[in-house]
Amino acid sequence: MTTSLIGKGKAFGLLSKPETIEPVVIHAAVGPITAIHQPSMTGESKGTVLFVPGFTGSKEDFYDLFPLLGEYGWDVWAISQRGQGDSVAPEGRAEYTREKTAGDVVEIAQIIAQAQGVDRVHLLGHSFGGTVAQAALIEKPIIFDSLTLMCSGPHGWPGRKADLRARLLDHPGVDLWRLDNPDRASIPDEDLNVNDRFLRIRSERTSHDQLIGAIDQLANTHDTTFEVKATGVPVLVFHGENDNWAWPQEWQRRMAELLDSRYEIIPNAFHCPNGENPKPTAALLNDFWTSVTKDKSND
C-alpha cells in the first residue's frame, strides 16, 4: 500500500462543506471509496480516527462534528461505504455482506494508517456502521486503537425493516427518498431546501443492492459482543438521550456492561448526536480517545 491510494476528491451535493474538510478518494480493492478528511488544527495530531456512517448515510453526516475534532487535535476521516452516495456501487446483493463491508473498513484503515505514518487508528461506527465496525474490529483488531459505537446495538432481530425491504424490491427504479416522500417526488430541485436536495441526490446515487444488503445485516441475530470483548480493544458506547430509532437504549447499556466499556448519553440529541448536538459529542470523543492514549502510554 502507498499514499498514492488516496487522491483528491470533490464535494458531493450542495451541503455547505466546512473549509477545513478535504474531500478525498480512497482507491480500495472494490473501487473508489469517497471520503472526507479533517486534519488536526493544533499542529500535531493526537491520533487518527476512521468514521463509518449508518444506513442511508454517507460521509457528509459528519460535517458539523469534524472541525470540532480537528480543533481538539485529531486527524479524522469518514467514508461513504460501498454503494452509498458517490462511492463505488458494485452490482448484486452478494456484494454487500458483512464480510465485504467489514473488509472494506479494514483495508481503508490500513491505507489511512500508512498514509498518516501510524500503526493503528481509532474506529467509530454510527448505527448500521457500528455493526460493520464491530465486524472489522473482530477481523483485524491489531490495527485499531479503540472502537466507538454511536447509537448502535449488539445484534439485529428477524424481520427487521422487512416492509422497507419489500418496498425496495417492488420499486427497483425508484430511490428511497422518493418512496418515502411521494408527494414531493417530482418537485424541481429549486423548490426544495438545501437539505432535502442533498437527501434526494444521495438517495438517487445510493444502490438498492446496498440498502437491501444493509437491511439483511441489520436483521442478523448474531451477537458479536463477546467477540468484540475478546479483542481487548477499548470500547465506548453512547447514544442521544432521546434515541429510540434503531436499537433500544437498554440493549446498548447492557452491551456496554458486558464489554466492561464506557457508556455515555448525549443530552438534547436523538439518533445523530454528531449533527444534533456536536459540541458535547466532540468533547466526549476527545476525552475517550485521550484516555485510551494515556492508558497505552502507561502500559
Protein backbone atom coordinates (compact mmCIF):
# COMPACT_ATOMS: atom_id res chain seq x y z
CA MET A 1 0.00 0.00 0.00
CA THR A 2 1.17 3.53 -0.74
CA THR A 3 -0.22 7.01 -0.21
CA SER A 4 -0.99 7.04 -3.94
CA LEU A 5 -4.11 5.07 -2.99
CA ILE A 6 -5.54 8.32 -1.59
CA GLY A 7 -6.32 11.04 -4.12
CA LYS A 8 -8.03 14.38 -4.25
CA GLY A 9 -11.81 14.25 -4.34
CA LYS A 10 -14.66 16.70 -4.74
CA ALA A 11 -17.56 17.72 -2.55
CA PHE A 12 -20.78 15.78 -3.09
CA GLY A 13 -24.14 17.54 -3.09
CA LEU A 14 -24.94 21.10 -2.10
CA LEU A 15 -24.48 20.99 1.65
CA SER A 16 -22.12 23.64 2.98
CA LYS A 17 -18.79 21.89 3.50
CA PRO A 18 -16.59 23.33 6.24
CA GLU A 19 -13.46 24.86 4.73
CA THR A 20 -11.15 22.74 6.87
CA ILE A 21 -12.52 19.45 5.50
CA GLU A 22 -10.85 17.92 2.45
CA PRO A 23 -12.79 15.62 0.08
CA VAL A 24 -10.67 12.62 -0.94
CA VAL A 25 -10.97 9.38 -2.87
CA ILE A 26 -9.55 6.14 -1.46
CA HIS A 27 -8.72 3.57 -4.13
CA ALA A 28 -9.77 0.35 -2.40
CA ALA A 29 -9.94 -3.11 -3.93
CA VAL A 30 -13.69 -2.73 -4.55
CA GLY A 31 -13.12 0.56 -6.40
CA PRO A 32 -13.12 4.26 -5.47
CA ILE A 33 -14.47 4.93 -1.98
CA THR A 34 -15.18 8.60 -1.38
CA ALA A 35 -14.17 10.11 1.94
CA ILE A 36 -13.60 13.33 3.84
CA HIS A 37 -10.50 14.22 5.84
CA GLN A 38 -10.25 16.75 8.64
CA PRO A 39 -6.60 17.30 9.61
CA SER A 40 -5.59 18.24 13.12
CA MET A 41 -5.68 22.01 13.59
CA THR A 42 -3.25 22.07 16.50
CA GLY A 43 -0.07 21.49 14.53
CA GLU A 44 0.41 17.96 15.85
CA SER A 45 -2.03 15.08 15.59
CA LYS A 46 -3.21 13.35 18.76
CA GLY A 47 -4.23 10.34 16.69
CA THR A 48 -6.10 9.16 13.61
CA VAL A 49 -9.78 8.20 13.53
CA LEU A 50 -11.95 6.49 10.90
CA PHE A 51 -15.74 7.02 10.90
CA VAL A 52 -18.20 4.60 9.27
CA PRO A 53 -21.70 6.03 8.53
CA GLY A 54 -25.02 4.32 9.08
CA PHE A 55 -27.92 3.03 6.99
CA THR A 56 -28.84 5.56 4.24
CA GLY A 57 -25.91 7.68 5.50
CA SER A 58 -22.69 9.00 4.00
CA LYS A 59 -19.52 10.86 4.91
CA GLU A 60 -21.34 14.21 4.87
CA ASP A 61 -23.15 13.21 8.09
CA PHE A 62 -20.03 14.33 9.97
CA TYR A 63 -19.63 17.86 8.58
CA ASP A 64 -20.70 19.51 11.85
CA LEU A 65 -18.54 17.30 14.06
CA PHE A 66 -15.23 17.10 12.22
CA PRO A 67 -13.97 20.71 12.60
CA LEU A 68 -14.55 20.42 16.37
CA LEU A 69 -12.44 17.24 16.48
CA GLY A 70 -9.77 18.93 14.39
CA GLU A 71 -9.64 21.74 16.95
CA TYR A 72 -9.01 19.12 19.65
CA GLY A 73 -6.05 17.88 17.62
CA TRP A 74 -7.45 14.74 16.00
CA ASP A 75 -6.89 13.67 12.40
CA VAL A 76 -10.30 12.34 11.34
CA TRP A 77 -11.61 10.57 8.26
CA ALA A 78 -15.08 9.42 7.21
CA ILE A 79 -16.06 7.24 4.27
CA SER A 80 -19.21 6.69 2.30
CA GLN A 81 -19.45 2.90 2.33
CA ARG A 82 -19.61 0.93 -0.91
CA GLY A 83 -22.97 1.66 -2.53
CA GLN A 84 -23.57 4.85 -0.53
CA GLY A 85 -23.76 8.25 -2.23
CA ASP A 86 -20.89 8.78 -4.64
CA SER A 87 -18.80 5.75 -3.63
CA VAL A 88 -18.40 2.80 -5.97
CA ALA A 89 -21.53 0.63 -6.10
CA PRO A 90 -20.89 -2.94 -7.30
CA GLU A 91 -23.96 -4.75 -8.58
CA GLY A 92 -25.62 -7.61 -6.74
CA ARG A 93 -26.74 -8.08 -3.15
CA ALA A 94 -23.89 -10.51 -2.60
CA GLU A 95 -21.55 -7.51 -2.79
CA TYR A 96 -22.97 -6.08 0.46
CA THR A 97 -22.44 -8.82 3.00
CA ARG A 98 -20.97 -8.02 6.41
CA GLU A 99 -17.77 -9.79 5.40
CA LYS A 100 -17.31 -7.49 2.41
CA THR A 101 -18.31 -4.23 4.07
CA ALA A 102 -16.12 -5.00 7.09
CA GLY A 103 -13.29 -5.95 4.75
CA ASP A 104 -13.52 -2.51 3.15
CA VAL A 105 -13.15 -0.86 6.56
CA VAL A 106 -10.11 -2.97 7.44
CA GLU A 107 -8.47 -2.20 4.11
CA ILE A 108 -9.24 1.53 4.30
CA ALA A 109 -8.00 1.74 7.89
CA GLN A 110 -4.69 0.25 6.74
CA ILE A 111 -4.45 2.65 3.80
CA ILE A 112 -5.10 5.66 6.04
CA ALA A 113 -2.71 4.43 8.73
CA GLN A 114 0.10 4.09 6.22
CA ALA A 115 -0.65 7.49 4.71
CA GLN A 116 -0.53 9.09 8.17
CA GLY A 117 2.51 7.15 9.33
CA VAL A 118 0.72 5.46 12.24
CA ASP A 119 0.32 1.83 13.24
CA ARG A 120 -3.32 1.97 14.35
CA VAL A 121 -6.44 4.09 14.05
CA HIS A 122 -9.43 4.66 16.29
CA LEU A 123 -12.66 3.35 14.74
CA LEU A 124 -16.19 4.76 15.11
CA GLY A 125 -19.35 3.26 13.65
CA HIS A 126 -22.70 5.03 13.59
CA SER A 127 -25.84 2.86 13.79
CA PHE A 128 -25.56 0.32 10.93
CA GLY A 129 -21.95 1.47 10.60
CA GLY A 130 -21.45 0.16 14.13
CA THR A 131 -22.31 -3.38 13.07
CA VAL A 132 -19.80 -3.08 10.23
CA ALA A 133 -17.21 -1.59 12.58
CA GLN A 134 -17.63 -4.43 15.09
CA ALA A 135 -17.02 -6.97 12.32
CA ALA A 136 -13.97 -5.04 11.11
CA LEU A 137 -12.50 -4.98 14.62
CA ILE A 138 -13.09 -8.71 15.05
CA GLU A 139 -11.45 -9.39 11.68
CA LYS A 140 -8.24 -7.46 12.41
CA PRO A 141 -8.04 -5.98 15.92
CA ILE A 142 -4.31 -5.25 15.66
CA ILE A 143 -4.90 -2.15 13.52
CA PHE A 144 -7.43 -0.46 15.82
CA ASP A 145 -6.68 1.58 18.95
CA SER A 146 -10.31 1.70 20.05
CA LEU A 147 -13.89 1.14 18.94
CA THR A 148 -16.72 3.63 19.44
CA LEU A 149 -20.33 2.56 18.85
CA MET A 150 -22.59 5.56 18.34
CA CYS A 151 -26.31 4.73 18.50
CA SER A 152 -25.56 1.11 17.60
CA GLY A 153 -26.51 -2.18 19.20
CA PRO A 154 -25.28 -5.74 19.68
CA HIS A 155 -27.39 -7.60 17.13
CA GLY A 156 -30.48 -7.46 14.95
CA TRP A 157 -33.77 -9.32 15.00
CA PRO A 158 -35.79 -11.33 12.46
CA GLY A 159 -37.92 -9.29 10.08
CA ARG A 160 -36.19 -6.02 10.84
CA LYS A 161 -37.13 -3.45 8.18
CA ALA A 162 -38.92 -6.21 6.25
CA ASP A 163 -41.57 -3.77 4.98
CA LEU A 164 -38.89 -1.44 3.64
CA ARG A 165 -37.07 -4.33 2.02
CA ALA A 166 -40.27 -5.37 0.23
CA ARG A 167 -40.90 -1.82 -0.96
CA LEU A 168 -37.39 -1.57 -2.41
CA LEU A 169 -37.80 -4.87 -4.23
CA ASP A 170 -41.21 -3.81 -5.57
CA HIS A 171 -39.82 -0.50 -6.89
CA PRO A 172 -36.36 -1.24 -8.32
CA GLY A 173 -36.22 2.01 -10.29
CA VAL A 174 -37.31 4.38 -7.51
CA ASP A 175 -34.93 5.74 -4.89
CA LEU A 176 -35.76 5.58 -1.19
CA TRP A 177 -36.26 9.33 -0.72
CA ARG A 178 -38.97 9.35 -3.38
CA LEU A 179 -40.57 6.22 -1.90
CA ASP A 180 -40.71 7.97 1.48
CA ASN A 181 -41.82 11.32 0.01
CA PRO A 182 -44.22 10.52 -2.85
CA ASP A 183 -45.89 13.93 -2.58
CA ARG A 184 -42.56 15.62 -3.34
CA ALA A 185 -41.08 13.06 -5.71
CA SER A 186 -41.35 15.28 -8.79
CA ILE A 187 -40.70 18.68 -7.22
CA PRO A 188 -37.92 20.55 -9.08
CA ASP A 189 -34.62 20.92 -7.22
CA GLU A 190 -35.02 24.67 -6.93
CA ASP A 191 -38.25 24.21 -4.96
CA LEU A 192 -36.59 22.02 -2.30
CA ASN A 193 -34.49 23.30 0.58
CA VAL A 194 -30.76 22.54 0.51
CA ASN A 195 -31.02 19.66 2.97
CA ASP A 196 -33.82 17.91 1.06
CA ARG A 197 -31.95 18.43 -2.21
CA PHE A 198 -28.94 16.72 -0.69
CA LEU A 199 -31.00 13.85 0.74
CA ARG A 200 -32.64 13.32 -2.63
CA ILE A 201 -29.43 13.27 -4.66
CA ARG A 202 -27.76 10.99 -2.09
CA SER A 203 -30.74 8.67 -2.30
CA GLU A 204 -30.64 8.72 -6.09
CA ARG A 205 -26.98 7.70 -6.03
CA THR A 206 -27.34 5.05 -3.33
CA SER A 207 -27.58 1.46 -4.56
CA HIS A 208 -30.73 -0.58 -3.93
CA ASP A 209 -28.47 -3.60 -3.53
CA GLN A 210 -26.59 -1.73 -0.79
CA LEU A 211 -29.80 -0.86 1.06
CA ILE A 212 -31.10 -4.43 0.90
CA GLY A 213 -27.70 -5.78 1.93
CA ALA A 214 -27.65 -3.40 4.89
CA ILE A 215 -31.18 -4.43 5.88
CA ASP A 216 -30.14 -8.07 5.80
CA GLN A 217 -27.15 -7.27 8.00
CA LEU A 218 -29.38 -5.35 10.43
CA ALA A 219 -31.68 -8.38 10.69
CA ASN A 220 -28.77 -10.66 11.61
CA THR A 221 -29.33 -12.03 15.12
CA HIS A 222 -25.70 -12.97 15.75
CA ASP A 223 -24.45 -11.09 18.84
CA THR A 224 -20.78 -10.15 18.48
CA THR A 225 -20.43 -8.57 21.94
CA PHE A 226 -18.15 -11.23 23.38
CA GLU A 227 -16.10 -11.42 20.18
CA VAL A 228 -15.53 -7.67 20.45
CA LYS A 229 -14.60 -8.03 24.12
CA ALA A 230 -12.13 -10.81 23.31
CA THR A 231 -10.10 -8.40 21.16
CA GLY A 232 -9.13 -6.44 24.28
CA VAL A 233 -9.60 -3.17 22.38
CA PRO A 234 -11.14 -0.32 24.48
CA VAL A 235 -14.77 0.44 23.60
CA LEU A 236 -17.08 3.42 24.08
CA VAL A 237 -20.85 3.01 23.70
CA PHE A 238 -23.01 6.14 23.53
CA HIS A 239 -26.25 7.47 22.10
CA GLY A 240 -28.55 10.50 22.23
CA GLU A 241 -30.82 10.77 25.25
CA ASN A 242 -33.90 10.67 23.02
CA ASP A 243 -32.65 7.99 20.64
CA ASN A 244 -35.25 5.26 20.21
CA TRP A 245 -34.66 4.94 16.49
CA ALA A 246 -32.62 1.84 15.74
CA TRP A 247 -31.84 -0.10 18.94
CA PRO A 248 -33.45 0.00 22.38
CA GLN A 249 -31.33 2.09 24.73
CA GLU A 250 -31.39 -0.73 27.27
CA TRP A 251 -29.72 -3.03 24.75
CA GLN A 252 -26.93 -0.51 24.27
CA ARG A 253 -26.47 -0.03 28.02
CA ARG A 254 -26.38 -3.79 28.58
CA MET A 255 -23.89 -4.24 25.75
CA ALA A 256 -21.59 -1.70 27.40
CA GLU A 257 -21.87 -3.59 30.70
CA LEU A 258 -20.94 -6.88 29.06
CA LEU A 259 -18.00 -5.20 27.34
CA ASP A 260 -16.85 -3.54 30.58
CA SER A 261 -16.80 -0.41 28.48
CA ARG A 262 -17.62 3.23 29.00
CA TYR A 263 -21.28 4.14 28.41
CA GLU A 264 -22.47 7.72 27.89
CA ILE A 265 -25.61 9.59 26.85
CA ILE A 266 -25.51 12.85 24.87
CA PRO A 267 -28.17 15.32 26.06
CA ASN A 268 -30.56 17.04 23.64
CA ALA A 269 -29.87 14.52 20.90
CA PHE A 270 -31.68 11.72 19.09
CA HIS A 271 -30.12 9.20 16.69
CA CYS A 272 -27.48 11.53 15.22
CA PRO A 273 -25.70 13.34 18.07
CA ASN A 274 -22.90 14.11 15.61
CA GLY A 275 -25.24 16.65 13.99
CA GLU A 276 -27.90 17.27 16.64
CA ASN A 277 -25.50 18.21 19.46
CA PRO A 278 -21.95 18.08 18.09
CA LYS A 279 -20.10 20.03 20.81
CA PRO A 280 -20.67 17.60 23.71
CA THR A 281 -20.23 14.73 21.24
CA ALA A 282 -16.81 16.06 20.24
CA ALA A 283 -15.88 16.61 23.89
CA LEU A 284 -16.83 13.03 24.77
CA LEU A 285 -14.89 11.56 21.87
CA ASN A 286 -11.83 13.66 22.67
CA ASP A 287 -11.96 12.55 26.30
CA PHE A 288 -12.31 8.87 25.39
CA TRP A 289 -9.59 8.78 22.74
CA THR A 290 -7.25 10.79 25.00
CA SER A 291 -7.84 8.32 27.85
CA VAL A 292 -7.02 5.41 25.54
CA THR A 293 -3.77 7.10 24.54
CA LYS A 294 -2.85 7.73 28.19
CA ASP A 295 -3.62 4.14 29.16
CA LYS A 296 -1.39 2.86 26.35
CA SER A 297 1.49 5.12 27.42
CA ASN A 298 1.19 3.78 30.97
CA ASP A 299 1.39 0.13 29.91
